[in-house]
Amino acid sequence: MGIETLNMIIVGKLDNTVDLAAVGLGNVILTMCVLSILLGMNTALETMVSQAHGAGHLQLGGEYLNRMRIILTLTFIPITVFLWFAKPILIGLG
């Protein structure tokens, strides 16, 4: 959250409304596409590991962690491809 605010402050000092709008749009896309999905999945992991630890199943908590590492990596790959081609996608959308 801090880096987005810092970007807005720095670009805002340039007195160029188009650049400021571009940074704002980039922050929204980053938050929607990456942070919300990955943070949601990490929150689910926290819940499952906490329940396994509370039940005394430490090995199960480790299995959850390792599985989620793979799932998060596989989830991050298409997100990265989308962000890599974000400019042509957004231009195509108008």
PDB file of N, CA and C in Angstrom:
ATOM      1  N   MET A   1       0.832  -1.187   0.000  1.00  0.00           N
ATOM      2  CA  MET A   1       0.000   0.000   0.000  1.00  0.00           C
ATOM      3  C   MET A   1       0.876   1.248   0.000  1.00  0.00           C
ATOM      4  N   GLY A   2       2.011   1.201   0.627  1.00  0.00           N
ATOM      5  CA  GLY A   2       2.864   2.373   0.740  1.00  0.00           C
ATOM      6  C   GLY A   2       3.508   2.776  -0.568  1.00  0.00           C
ATOM      7  N   ILE A   3       3.929   1.790  -1.373  1.00  0.00           N
ATOM      8  CA  ILE A   3       4.603   2.117  -2.621  1.00  0.00           C
ATOM      9  C   ILE A   3       3.637   2.763  -3.602  1.00  0.00           C
ATOM     10  N   GLU A   4       2.364   2.361  -3.572  1.00  0.00           N
ATOM     11  CA  GLU A   4       1.382   2.976  -4.452  1.00  0.00           C
ATOM     12  C   GLU A   4       1.185   4.446  -4.089  1.00  0.00           C
ATOM     13  N   THR A   5       1.097   4.730  -2.808  1.00  0.00           N
ATOM     14  CA  THR A   5       0.944   6.107  -2.357  1.00  0.00           C
ATOM     15  C   THR A   5       2.167   6.932  -2.718  1.00  0.00           C
ATOM     16  N   LEU A   6       3.335   6.361  -2.542  1.00  0.00           N
ATOM     17  CA  LEU A   6       4.567   7.063  -2.882  1.00  0.00           C
ATOM     18  C   LEU A   6       4.630   7.368  -4.375  1.00  0.00           C
ATOM     19  N   ASN A   7       4.228   6.415  -5.210  1.00  0.00           N
ATOM     20  CA  ASN A   7       4.195   6.661  -6.651  1.00  0.00           C
ATOM     21  C   ASN A   7       3.255   7.810  -6.992  1.00  0.00           C
ATOM     22  N   MET A   8       2.094   7.839  -6.359  1.00  0.00           N
ATOM     23  CA  MET A   8       1.131   8.912  -6.627  1.00  0.00           C
ATOM     24  C   MET A   8       1.681  10.271  -6.210  1.00  0.00           C
ATOM     25  N   ILE A   9       2.376  10.315  -5.083  1.00  0.00           N
ATOM     26  CA  ILE A   9       2.938  11.588  -4.611  1.00  0.00           C
ATOM     27  C   ILE A   9       4.018  12.085  -5.569  1.00  0.00           C
ATOM     28  N   ILE A  10       4.907  11.189  -5.975  1.00  0.00           N
ATOM     29  CA  ILE A  10       6.008  11.593  -6.854  1.00  0.00           C
ATOM     30  C   ILE A  10       5.484  12.047  -8.208  1.00  0.00           C
ATOM     31  N   VAL A  11       4.574  11.290  -8.804  1.00  0.00           N
ATOM     32  CA  VAL A  11       4.038  11.660 -10.118  1.00  0.00           C
ATOM     33  C   VAL A  11       3.136  12.884  -9.998  1.00  0.00           C
ATOM     34  N   GLY A  12       2.465  13.049  -8.876  1.00  0.00           N
ATOM     35  CA  GLY A  12       1.611  14.211  -8.676  1.00  0.00           C
ATOM     36  C   GLY A  12       2.377  15.515  -8.673  1.00  0.00           C
ATOM     37  N   LYS A  13       3.633  15.478  -8.275  1.00  0.00           N
ATOM     38  CA  LYS A  13       4.463  16.690  -8.267  1.00  0.00           C
ATOM     39  C   LYS A  13       4.890  17.110  -9.664  1.00  0.00           C
ATOM     40  N   LEU A  14       4.682  16.249 -10.664  1.00  0.00           N
ATOM     41  CA  LEU A  14       5.053  16.585 -12.037  1.00  0.00           C
ATOM     42  C   LEU A  14       4.013  17.469 -12.719  1.00  0.00           C
ATOM     43  N   ASP A  15       2.856  17.657 -12.108  1.00  0.00           N
ATOM     44  CA  ASP A  15       1.765  18.467 -12.650  1.00  0.00           C
ATOM     45  C   ASP A  15       1.305  17.990 -14.021  1.00  0.00           C
ATOM     46  N   ASN A  16       1.265  16.679 -14.209  1.00  0.00           N
ATOM     47  CA  ASN A  16       0.775  16.104 -15.453  1.00  0.00           C
ATOM     48  C   ASN A  16      -0.361  15.155 -15.100  1.00  0.00           C
ATOM     49  N   THR A  17      -1.576  15.554 -15.431  1.00  0.00           N
ATOM     50  CA  THR A  17      -2.742  14.768 -15.022  1.00  0.00           C
ATOM     51  C   THR A  17      -2.821  13.428 -15.745  1.00  0.00           C
ATOM     52  N   VAL A  18      -2.295  13.347 -16.967  1.00  0.00           N
ATOM     53  CA  VAL A  18      -2.335  12.082 -17.710  1.00  0.00           C
ATOM     54  C   VAL A  18      -1.426  11.054 -17.032  1.00  0.00           C
ATOM     55  N   ASP A  19      -0.236  11.476 -16.640  1.00  0.00           N
ATOM     56  CA  ASP A  19       0.672  10.552 -15.948  1.00  0.00           C
ATOM     57  C   ASP A  19       0.101  10.124 -14.598  1.00  0.00           C
ATOM     58  N   LEU A  20      -0.520  11.047 -13.902  1.00  0.00           N
ATOM     59  CA  LEU A  20      -1.115  10.719 -12.610  1.00  0.00           C
ATOM     60  C   LEU A  20      -2.259   9.719 -12.779  1.00  0.00           C
ATOM     61  N   ALA A  21      -3.066   9.897 -13.813  1.00  0.00           N
ATOM     62  CA  ALA A  21      -4.151   8.954 -14.088  1.00  0.00           C
ATOM     63  C   ALA A  21      -3.595   7.583 -14.465  1.00  0.00           C
ATOM     64  N   ALA A  22      -2.498   7.560 -15.211  1.00  0.00           N
ATOM     65  CA  ALA A  22      -1.886   6.286 -15.600  1.00  0.00           C
ATOM     66  C   ALA A  22      -1.356   5.537 -14.383  1.00  0.00           C
ATOM     67  N   VAL A  23      -0.739   6.257 -13.458  1.00  0.00           N
ATOM     68  CA  VAL A  23      -0.241   5.613 -12.240  1.00  0.00           C
ATOM     69  C   VAL A  23      -1.403   5.112 -11.395  1.00  0.00           C
ATOM     70  N   GLY A  24      -2.469   5.880 -11.314  1.00  0.00           N
ATOM     71  CA  GLY A  24      -3.655   5.436 -10.571  1.00  0.00           C
ATOM     72  C   GLY A  24      -4.263   4.187 -11.168  1.00  0.00           C
ATOM     73  N   LEU A  25      -4.372   4.140 -12.505  1.00  0.00           N
ATOM     74  CA  LEU A  25      -4.909   2.959 -13.178  1.00  0.00           C
ATOM     75  C   LEU A  25      -3.996   1.755 -12.968  1.00  0.00           C
ATOM     76  N   GLY A  26      -2.704   1.975 -13.023  1.00  0.00           N
ATOM     77  CA  GLY A  26      -1.759   0.886 -12.771  1.00  0.00           C
ATOM     78  C   GLY A  26      -1.876   0.347 -11.357  1.00  0.00           C
ATOM     79  N   ASN A  27      -2.067   1.238 -10.396  1.00  0.00           N
ATOM     80  CA  ASN A  27      -2.244   0.797  -9.009  1.00  0.00           C
ATOM     81  C   ASN A  27      -3.514  -0.026  -8.844  1.00  0.00           C
ATOM     82  N   VAL A  28      -4.587   0.380  -9.508  1.00  0.00           N
ATOM     83  CA  VAL A  28      -5.851  -0.358  -9.410  1.00  0.00           C
ATOM     84  C   VAL A  28      -5.709  -1.747 -10.021  1.00  0.00           C
ATOM     85  N   ILE A  29      -5.076  -1.825 -11.192  1.00  0.00           N
ATOM     86  CA  ILE A  29      -4.899  -3.121 -11.852  1.00  0.00           C
ATOM     87  C   ILE A  29      -4.027  -4.035 -11.008  1.00  0.00           C
ATOM     88  N   LEU A  30      -2.954  -3.496 -10.458  1.00  0.00           N
ATOM     89  CA  LEU A  30      -2.070  -4.294  -9.611  1.00  0.00           C
ATOM     90  C   LEU A  30      -2.809  -4.815  -8.386  1.00  0.00           C
ATOM     91  N   THR A  31      -3.593  -3.960  -7.771  1.00  0.00           N
ATOM     92  CA  THR A  31      -4.332  -4.366  -6.574  1.00  0.00           C
ATOM     93  C   THR A  31      -5.387  -5.416  -6.906  1.00  0.00           C
ATOM     94  N   MET A  32      -6.132  -5.212  -7.989  1.00  0.00           N
ATOM     95  CA  MET A  32      -7.199  -6.151  -8.344  1.00  0.00           C
ATOM     96  C   MET A  32      -6.651  -7.486  -8.823  1.00  0.00           C
ATOM     97  N   CYS A  33      -5.646  -7.449  -9.662  1.00  0.00           N
ATOM     98  CA  CYS A  33      -5.178  -8.678 -10.310  1.00  0.00           C
ATOM     99  C   CYS A  33      -4.226  -9.489  -9.448  1.00  0.00           C
ATOM    100  N   VAL A  34      -3.411  -8.823  -8.687  1.00  0.00           N
ATOM    101  CA  VAL A  34      -2.362  -9.545  -7.977  1.00  0.00           C
ATOM    102  C   VAL A  34      -2.640  -9.612  -6.476  1.00  0.00           C
ATOM    103  N   LEU A  35      -2.723  -8.465  -5.860  1.00  0.00           N
ATOM    104  CA  LEU A  35      -2.781  -8.455  -4.403  1.00  0.00           C
ATOM    105  C   LEU A  35      -4.042  -9.103  -3.851  1.00  0.00           C
ATOM    106  N   SER A  36      -5.195  -8.810  -4.438  1.00  0.00           N
ATOM    107  CA  SER A  36      -6.428  -9.360  -3.881  1.00  0.00           C
ATOM    108  C   SER A  36      -6.473 -10.876  -4.009  1.00  0.00           C
ATOM    109  N   ILE A  37      -6.040 -11.410  -5.131  1.00  0.00           N
ATOM    110  CA  ILE A  37      -6.076 -12.859  -5.339  1.00  0.00           C
ATOM    111  C   ILE A  37      -5.064 -13.558  -4.436  1.00  0.00           C
ATOM    112  N   LEU A  38      -3.821 -13.087  -4.468  1.00  0.00           N
ATOM    113  CA  LEU A  38      -2.782 -13.768  -3.711  1.00  0.00           C
ATOM    114  C   LEU A  38      -2.949 -13.589  -2.205  1.00  0.00           C
ATOM    115  N   LEU A  39      -3.383 -12.419  -1.773  1.00  0.00           N
ATOM    116  CA  LEU A  39      -3.617 -12.237  -0.339  1.00  0.00           C
ATOM    117  C   LEU A  39      -4.800 -13.069   0.144  1.00  0.00           C
ATOM    118  N   GLY A  40      -5.817 -13.227  -0.693  1.00  0.00           N
ATOM    119  CA  GLY A  40      -6.942 -14.087  -0.334  1.00  0.00           C
ATOM    120  C   GLY A  40      -6.515 -15.530  -0.170  1.00  0.00           C
ATOM    121  N   MET A  41      -5.654 -15.980  -1.063  1.00  0.00           N
ATOM    122  CA  MET A  41      -5.179 -17.363  -0.964  1.00  0.00           C
ATOM    123  C   MET A  41      -4.278 -17.538   0.255  1.00  0.00           C
ATOM    124  N   ASN A  42      -3.465 -16.537   0.563  1.00  0.00           N
ATOM    125  CA  ASN A  42      -2.626 -16.622   1.758  1.00  0.00           C
ATOM    126  C   ASN A  42      -3.466 -16.617   3.033  1.00  0.00           C
ATOM    127  N   THR A  43      -4.567 -15.893   3.029  1.00  0.00           N
ATOM    128  CA  THR A  43      -5.455 -15.891   4.190  1.00  0.00           C
ATOM    129  C   THR A  43      -6.073 -17.265   4.396  1.00  0.00           C
ATOM    130  N   ALA A  44      -6.439 -17.926   3.304  1.00  0.00           N
ATOM    131  CA  ALA A  44      -6.966 -19.289   3.419  1.00  0.00           C
ATOM    132  C   ALA A  44      -5.902 -20.226   3.979  1.00  0.00           C
ATOM    133  N   LEU A  45      -4.672 -20.037   3.553  1.00  0.00           N
ATOM    134  CA  LEU A  45      -3.574 -20.858   4.069  1.00  0.00           C
ATOM    135  C   LEU A  45      -3.389 -20.640   5.569  1.00  0.00           C
ATOM    136  N   GLU A  46      -3.444 -19.397   6.007  1.00  0.00           N
ATOM    137  CA  GLU A  46      -3.297 -19.109   7.432  1.00  0.00           C
ATOM    138  C   GLU A  46      -4.348 -19.831   8.258  1.00  0.00           C
ATOM    139  N   THR A  47      -5.581 -19.831   7.771  1.00  0.00           N
ATOM    140  CA  THR A  47      -6.668 -20.494   8.487  1.00  0.00           C
ATOM    141  C   THR A  47      -6.415 -21.992   8.593  1.00  0.00           C
ATOM    142  N   MET A  48      -6.031 -22.600   7.475  1.00  0.00           N
ATOM    143  CA  MET A  48      -5.828 -24.058   7.476  1.00  0.00           C
ATOM    144  C   MET A  48      -4.635 -24.464   8.330  1.00  0.00           C
ATOM    145  N   VAL A  49      -3.548 -23.712   8.260  1.00  0.00           N
ATOM    146  CA  VAL A  49      -2.365 -24.044   9.059  1.00  0.00           C
ATOM    147  C   VAL A  49      -2.652 -23.825  10.547  1.00  0.00           C
ATOM    148  N   SER A  50      -3.389 -22.775  10.872  1.00  0.00           N
ATOM    149  CA  SER A  50      -3.751 -22.536  12.277  1.00  0.00           C
ATOM    150  C   SER A  50      -4.608 -23.663  12.839  1.00  0.00           C
ATOM    151  N   GLN A  51      -5.551 -24.145  12.055  1.00  0.00           N
ATOM    152  CA  GLN A  51      -6.393 -25.243  12.517  1.00  0.00           C
ATOM    153  C   GLN A  51      -5.574 -26.518  12.684  1.00  0.00           C
ATOM    154  N   ALA A  52      -4.670 -26.784  11.754  1.00  0.00           N
ATOM    155  CA  ALA A  52      -3.834 -27.985  11.873  1.00  0.00           C
ATOM    156  C   ALA A  52      -2.921 -27.886  13.088  1.00  0.00           C
ATOM    157  N   HIS A  53      -2.357 -26.713  13.316  1.00  0.00           N
ATOM    158  CA  HIS A  53      -1.468 -26.531  14.474  1.00  0.00           C
ATOM    159  C   HIS A  53      -2.251 -26.653  15.780  1.00  0.00           C
ATOM    160  N   GLY A  54      -3.442 -26.067  15.816  1.00  0.00           N
ATOM    161  CA  GLY A  54      -4.272 -26.151  17.019  1.00  0.00           C
ATOM    162  C   GLY A  54      -4.687 -27.577  17.332  1.00  0.00           C
ATOM    163  N   ALA A  55      -4.852 -28.401  16.310  1.00  0.00           N
ATOM    164  CA  ALA A  55      -5.225 -29.801  16.512  1.00  0.00           C
ATOM    165  C   ALA A  55      -4.015 -30.680  16.790  1.00  0.00           C
ATOM    166  N   GLY A  56      -2.830 -30.079  16.746  1.00  0.00           N
ATOM    167  CA  GLY A  56      -1.613 -30.843  17.025  1.00  0.00           C
ATOM    168  C   GLY A  56      -1.067 -31.592  15.828  1.00  0.00           C
ATOM    169  N   HIS A  57      -1.553 -31.321  14.658  1.00  0.00           N
ATOM    170  CA  HIS A  57      -1.087 -31.986  13.433  1.00  0.00           C
ATOM    171  C   HIS A  57      -0.077 -31.089  12.722  1.00  0.00           C
ATOM    172  N   LEU A  58       1.142 -31.044  13.242  1.00  0.00           N
ATOM    173  CA  LEU A  58       2.154 -30.150  12.688  1.00  0.00           C
ATOM    174  C   LEU A  58       2.567 -30.566  11.279  1.00  0.00           C
ATOM    175  N   GLN A  59       2.619 -31.852  11.020  1.00  0.00           N
ATOM    176  CA  GLN A  59       3.000 -32.317   9.690  1.00  0.00           C
ATOM    177  C   GLN A  59       1.937 -31.913   8.654  1.00  0.00           C
ATOM    178  N   LEU A  60       0.672 -31.970   9.037  1.00  0.00           N
ATOM    179  CA  LEU A  60      -0.402 -31.557   8.134  1.00  0.00           C
ATOM    180  C   LEU A  60      -0.292 -30.066   7.803  1.00  0.00           C
ATOM    181  N   GLY A  61       0.085 -29.267   8.802  1.00  0.00           N
ATOM    182  CA  GLY A  61       0.304 -27.841   8.548  1.00  0.00           C
ATOM    183  C   GLY A  61       1.426 -27.623   7.550  1.00  0.00           C
ATOM    184  N   GLY A  62       2.491 -28.410   7.648  1.00  0.00           N
ATOM    185  CA  GLY A  62       3.578 -28.327   6.676  1.00  0.00           C
ATOM    186  C   GLY A  62       3.148 -28.755   5.284  1.00  0.00           C
ATOM    187  N   GLU A  63       2.291 -29.769   5.223  1.00  0.00           N
ATOM    188  CA  GLU A  63       1.770 -30.204   3.923  1.00  0.00           C
ATOM    189  C   GLU A  63       0.905 -29.109   3.296  1.00  0.00           C
ATOM    190  N   TYR A  64       0.082 -28.455   4.115  1.00  0.00           N
ATOM    191  CA  TYR A  64      -0.715 -27.334   3.600  1.00  0.00           C
ATOM    192  C   TYR A  64       0.191 -26.244   3.035  1.00  0.00           C
ATOM    193  N   LEU A  65       1.262 -25.946   3.768  1.00  0.00           N
ATOM    194  CA  LEU A  65       2.188 -24.895   3.335  1.00  0.00           C
ATOM    195  C   LEU A  65       2.831 -25.249   2.006  1.00  0.00           C
ATOM    196  N   ASN A  66       3.309 -26.474   1.879  1.00  0.00           N
ATOM    197  CA  ASN A  66       3.966 -26.883   0.641  1.00  0.00           C
ATOM    198  C   ASN A  66       2.991 -26.927  -0.532  1.00  0.00           C
ATOM    199  N   ARG A  67       1.773 -27.393  -0.295  1.00  0.00           N
ATOM    200  CA  ARG A  67       0.773 -27.414  -1.363  1.00  0.00           C
ATOM    201  C   ARG A  67       0.433 -26.001  -1.822  1.00  0.00           C
ATOM    202  N   MET A  68       0.298 -25.094  -0.852  1.00  0.00           N
ATOM    203  CA  MET A  68      -0.064 -23.725  -1.209  1.00  0.00           C
ATOM    204  C   MET A  68       1.073 -23.020  -1.942  1.00  0.00           C
ATOM    205  N   ARG A  69       2.303 -23.381  -1.674  1.00  0.00           N
ATOM    206  CA  ARG A  69       3.421 -22.814  -2.444  1.00  0.00           C
ATOM    207  C   ARG A  69       3.280 -23.159  -3.914  1.00  0.00           C
ATOM    208  N   ILE A  70       2.925 -24.397  -4.188  1.00  0.00           N
ATOM    209  CA  ILE A  70       2.756 -24.825  -5.579  1.00  0.00           C
ATOM    210  C   ILE A  70       1.546 -24.130  -6.192  1.00  0.00           C
ATOM    211  N   ILE A  71       0.449 -24.081  -5.466  1.00  0.00           N
ATOM    212  CA  ILE A  71      -0.775 -23.457  -5.983  1.00  0.00           C
ATOM    213  C   ILE A  71      -0.553 -21.974  -6.248  1.00  0.00           C
ATOM    214  N   LEU A  72       0.116 -21.287  -5.325  1.00  0.00           N
ATOM    215  CA  LEU A  72       0.377 -19.863  -5.518  1.00  0.00           C
ATOM    216  C   LEU A  72       1.297 -19.625  -6.713  1.00  0.00           C
ATOM    217  N   THR A  73       2.285 -20.484  -6.887  1.00  0.00           N
ATOM    218  CA  THR A  73       3.178 -20.346  -8.038  1.00  0.00           C
ATOM    219  C   THR A  73       2.412 -20.555  -9.335  1.00  0.00           C
ATOM    220  N   LEU A  74       1.570 -21.584  -9.381  1.00  0.00           N
ATOM    221  CA  LEU A  74       0.779 -21.840 -10.583  1.00  0.00           C
ATOM    222  C   LEU A  74      -0.257 -20.740 -10.836  1.00  0.00           C
ATOM    223  N   THR A  75      -0.728 -20.105  -9.781  1.00  0.00           N
ATOM    224  CA  THR A  75      -1.667 -18.997  -9.931  1.00  0.00           C
ATOM    225  C   THR A  75      -0.953 -17.742 -10.413  1.00  0.00           C
ATOM    226  N   PHE A  76       0.271 -17.556  -9.949  1.00  0.00           N
ATOM    227  CA  PHE A  76       1.007 -16.347 -10.280  1.00  0.00           C
ATOM    228  C   PHE A  76       1.457 -16.326 -11.739  1.00  0.00           C
ATOM    229  N   ILE A  77       1.644 -17.487 -12.348  1.00  0.00           N
ATOM    230  CA  ILE A  77       2.115 -17.541 -13.742  1.00  0.00           C
ATOM    231  C   ILE A  77       1.125 -16.875 -14.701  1.00  0.00           C
ATOM    232  N   PRO A  78      -0.174 -17.229 -14.703  1.00  0.00           N
ATOM    233  CA  PRO A  78      -1.079 -16.529 -15.625  1.00  0.00           C
ATOM    234  C   PRO A  78      -1.259 -15.050 -15.286  1.00  0.00           C
ATOM    235  N   ILE A  79      -1.171 -14.715 -14.002  1.00  0.00           N
ATOM    236  CA  ILE A  79      -1.274 -13.305 -13.623  1.00  0.00           C
ATOM    237  C   ILE A  79      -0.097 -12.530 -14.207  1.00  0.00           C
ATOM    238  N   THR A  80       1.095 -13.120 -14.145  1.00  0.00           N
ATOM    239  CA  THR A  80       2.274 -12.471 -14.703  1.00  0.00           C
ATOM    240  C   THR A  80       2.142 -12.289 -16.208  1.00  0.00           C
ATOM    241  N   VAL A  81       1.609 -13.293 -16.890  1.00  0.00           N
ATOM    242  CA  VAL A  81       1.408 -13.175 -18.342  1.00  0.00           C
ATOM    243  C   VAL A  81       0.408 -12.057 -18.640  1.00  0.00           C
ATOM    244  N   PHE A  82      -0.668 -11.987 -17.861  1.00  0.00           N
ATOM    245  CA  PHE A  82      -1.652 -10.928 -18.055  1.00  0.00           C
ATOM    246  C   PHE A  82      -1.029  -9.557 -17.856  1.00  0.00           C
ATOM    247  N   LEU A  83      -0.253  -9.388 -16.799  1.00  0.00           N
ATOM    248  CA  LEU A  83       0.359  -8.094 -16.539  1.00  0.00           C
ATOM    249  C   LEU A  83       1.422  -7.758 -17.577  1.00  0.00           C
ATOM    250  N   TRP A  84       2.093  -8.765 -18.107  1.00  0.00           N
ATOM    251  CA  TRP A  84       3.109  -8.535 -19.141  1.00  0.00           C
ATOM    252  C   TRP A  84       2.465  -7.942 -20.391  1.00  0.00           C
ATOM    253  N   PHE A  85       1.261  -8.428 -20.726  1.00  0.00           N
ATOM    254  CA  PHE A  85       0.554  -7.952 -21.908  1.00  0.00           C
ATOM    255  C   PHE A  85      -0.584  -6.995 -21.546  1.00  0.00           C
ATOM    256  N   ALA A  86      -0.475  -6.305 -20.429  1.00  0.00           N
ATOM    257  CA  ALA A  86      -1.546  -5.421 -19.972  1.00  0.00           C
ATOM    258  C   ALA A  86      -1.763  -4.251 -20.924  1.00  0.00           C
ATOM    259  N   LYS A  87      -0.699  -3.714 -21.487  1.00  0.00           N
ATOM    260  CA  LYS A  87      -0.853  -2.558 -22.373  1.00  0.00           C
ATOM    261  C   LYS A  87      -1.691  -2.891 -23.597  1.00  0.00           C
ATOM    262  N   PRO A  88      -1.366  -3.958 -24.359  1.00  0.00           N
ATOM    263  CA  PRO A  88      -2.227  -4.254 -25.510  1.00  0.00           C
ATOM    264  C   PRO A  88      -3.651  -4.643 -25.111  1.00  0.00           C
ATOM    265  N   ILE A  89      -3.799  -5.286 -23.967  1.00  0.00           N
ATOM    266  CA  ILE A  89      -5.137  -5.676 -23.515  1.00  0.00           C
ATOM    267  C   ILE A  89      -5.964  -4.429 -23.204  1.00  0.00           C
ATOM    268  N   LEU A  90      -5.372  -3.486 -22.481  1.00  0.00           N
ATOM    269  CA  LEU A  90      -6.103  -2.275 -22.119  1.00  0.00           C
ATOM    270  C   LEU A  90      -6.378  -1.384 -23.335  1.00  0.00           C
ATOM    271  N   ILE A  91      -5.439  -1.349 -24.270  1.00  0.00           N
ATOM    272  CA  ILE A  91      -5.677  -0.583 -25.497  1.00  0.00           C
ATOM    273  C   ILE A  91      -6.810  -1.216 -26.293  1.00  0.00           C
ATOM    274  N   GLY A  92      -6.830  -2.553 -26.328  1.00  0.00           N
ATOM    275  CA  GLY A  92      -7.909  -3.239 -27.031  1.00  0.00           C
ATOM    276  C   GLY A  92      -9.270  -3.020 -26.401  1.00  0.00           C
ATOM    277  N   LEU A  93      -9.294  -2.851 -25.077  1.00  0.00           N
ATOM    278  CA  LEU A  93     -10.561  -2.599 -24.391  1.00  0.00           C
ATOM    279  C   LEU A  93     -11.055  -1.169 -24.586  1.00  0.00           C
ATOM    280  N   GLY A  94     -10.138  -0.289 -24.979  1.00  0.00           N
ATOM    281  CA  GLY A  94     -10.544   1.090 -25.257  1.00  0.00           C
ATOM    282  C   GLY A  94     -10.237   1.964 -24.107  1.00  0.00           C
TER     283      GLY A  94
END
